[in-house]
């Protein structure tokens, strides 16, 4: 984090983990946790919750995991439930990263 870091953010750790996995679906949770600024155990808990909600799917690739995000899932809170995970990620990811996400998910771009 930068020197201007404060004690709050607009996005939760859930959004941060989701963005990291959208950018790099083969990332190790250790690396995601370090980038987000959380413990590896917390990153695992977040991924487990996202998986239970159907937002992402863990796919075993050899001894590693890869993650597939469902961009069509609706956001959970009533205030933003009219938007999808894809809408959220589309506002954060670069255009090429967003297209890669959509292609991996099988969604129409």
Protein backbone atom coordinates (compact mmCIF):
# COMPACT_ATOMS: atom_id res chain seq x y z
CA UNK A 1 0.00 0.00 0.00
CA UNK A 2 1.10 3.56 -0.55
CA UNK A 3 2.09 6.05 2.12
CA UNK A 4 -1.34 7.64 1.78
CA UNK A 5 -3.05 4.45 3.05
CA UNK A 6 -5.83 5.11 5.50
CA UNK A 7 -7.76 2.73 7.71
CA UNK A 8 -10.59 2.25 5.21
CA UNK A 9 -11.12 1.39 1.55
CA UNK A 10 -14.00 1.60 -0.88
CA UNK A 11 -13.70 -2.14 -1.62
CA UNK A 12 -13.63 -5.04 0.80
CA UNK A 13 -11.03 -7.78 0.97
CA UNK A 14 -13.54 -9.89 -0.99
CA UNK A 15 -13.43 -7.48 -3.91
CA UNK A 16 -9.65 -7.22 -3.69
CA UNK A 17 -9.20 -11.01 -3.75
CA UNK A 18 -11.66 -11.27 -6.63
CA UNK A 19 -9.76 -8.65 -8.64
CA UNK A 20 -6.45 -10.41 -8.00
CA UNK A 21 -7.87 -13.73 -9.20
CA UNK A 22 -9.49 -12.07 -12.21
CA UNK A 23 -6.11 -10.63 -13.18
CA UNK A 24 -4.26 -13.89 -12.52
CA UNK A 25 -6.51 -16.97 -12.17
CA UNK A 26 -3.47 -19.18 -11.48
CA UNK A 27 -2.17 -17.06 -8.61
CA UNK A 28 -1.16 -18.74 -5.37
CA UNK A 29 -3.24 -17.62 -2.40
CA UNK A 30 0.00 -16.70 -0.67
CA UNK A 31 0.65 -14.13 -3.42
CA UNK A 32 -2.95 -12.90 -3.39
CA UNK A 33 -2.84 -12.47 0.39
CA UNK A 34 0.40 -10.51 0.19
CA UNK A 35 -0.95 -8.21 -2.52
CA UNK A 36 -4.23 -7.57 -0.67
CA UNK A 37 -2.52 -7.16 2.72
CA UNK A 38 -4.24 -10.06 4.50
CA UNK A 39 -3.10 -13.41 5.84
CA UNK A 40 -3.06 -16.51 3.66
CA UNK A 41 -5.67 -18.03 5.97
CA UNK A 42 -7.98 -15.03 5.43
CA UNK A 43 -7.45 -15.27 1.66
CA UNK A 44 -8.45 -18.95 1.81
CA UNK A 45 -11.57 -18.09 3.80
CA UNK A 46 -12.54 -15.38 1.29
CA UNK A 47 -12.03 -17.77 -1.64
CA UNK A 48 -14.09 -20.43 0.15
CA UNK A 49 -16.95 -17.94 0.68
CA UNK A 50 -16.79 -16.80 -2.95
CA UNK A 51 -16.85 -20.42 -4.06
CA UNK A 52 -19.81 -21.24 -1.79
CA UNK A 53 -21.67 -18.26 -3.29
CA UNK A 54 -21.02 -19.59 -6.80
CA UNK A 55 -18.98 -16.53 -7.74
CA UNK A 56 -15.87 -18.54 -8.48
CA UNK A 57 -14.92 -22.15 -9.06
CA UNK A 58 -11.65 -23.72 -7.98
CA UNK A 59 -10.18 -25.97 -10.66
CA UNK A 60 -7.32 -28.33 -9.83
CA UNK A 61 -4.45 -28.08 -12.33
CA UNK A 62 -1.83 -30.57 -11.23
CA UNK A 63 -0.92 -29.62 -7.68
CA UNK A 64 -2.12 -26.02 -8.07
CA UNK A 65 -5.50 -24.33 -8.24
CA UNK A 66 -6.85 -22.12 -10.96
CA UNK A 67 -9.95 -19.99 -10.49
CA UNK A 68 -12.84 -19.37 -12.87
CA UNK A 69 -15.09 -16.40 -12.06
CA UNK A 70 -18.76 -16.28 -13.01
CA UNK A 71 -19.24 -12.71 -14.23
CA UNK A 72 -23.03 -13.17 -14.42
CA UNK A 73 -23.50 -13.61 -10.67
CA UNK A 74 -25.35 -10.74 -9.03
CA UNK A 75 -23.68 -8.71 -6.30
CA UNK A 76 -25.00 -9.65 -2.88
CA UNK A 77 -26.01 -6.44 -1.11
CA UNK A 78 -29.46 -5.01 -1.98
CA UNK A 79 -27.93 -1.64 -2.90
CA UNK A 80 -25.88 -3.16 -5.71
CA UNK A 81 -27.87 -6.34 -6.44
CA UNK A 82 -28.93 -4.90 -9.80
CA UNK A 83 -25.27 -5.23 -10.93
CA UNK A 84 -23.13 -8.30 -11.62
CA UNK A 85 -19.67 -9.45 -10.66
CA UNK A 86 -18.73 -8.76 -14.28
CA UNK A 87 -19.96 -5.18 -13.97
CA UNK A 88 -17.79 -4.70 -10.89
CA UNK A 89 -14.71 -6.24 -12.46
CA UNK A 90 -15.31 -4.36 -15.71
CA UNK A 91 -15.00 -1.10 -13.80
CA UNK A 92 -11.65 -2.10 -12.28
CA UNK A 93 -9.82 -4.32 -14.77
CA UNK A 94 -8.13 -3.06 -17.91
CA UNK A 95 -10.01 -3.74 -21.14
CA UNK A 96 -7.72 -6.63 -22.11
CA UNK A 97 -7.92 -8.21 -18.62
CA UNK A 98 -11.72 -7.92 -18.71
CA UNK A 99 -11.89 -9.59 -22.14
CA UNK A 100 -9.65 -12.44 -20.89
CA UNK A 101 -11.92 -12.89 -17.85
CA UNK A 102 -15.02 -13.03 -20.03
CA UNK A 103 -13.39 -15.50 -22.43
CA UNK A 104 -12.26 -17.79 -19.56
CA UNK A 105 -15.76 -17.76 -18.11
CA UNK A 106 -17.39 -18.58 -21.43
CA UNK A 107 -19.48 -15.40 -21.31
CA UNK A 108 -20.15 -13.34 -24.40
CA UNK A 109 -17.92 -10.29 -24.69
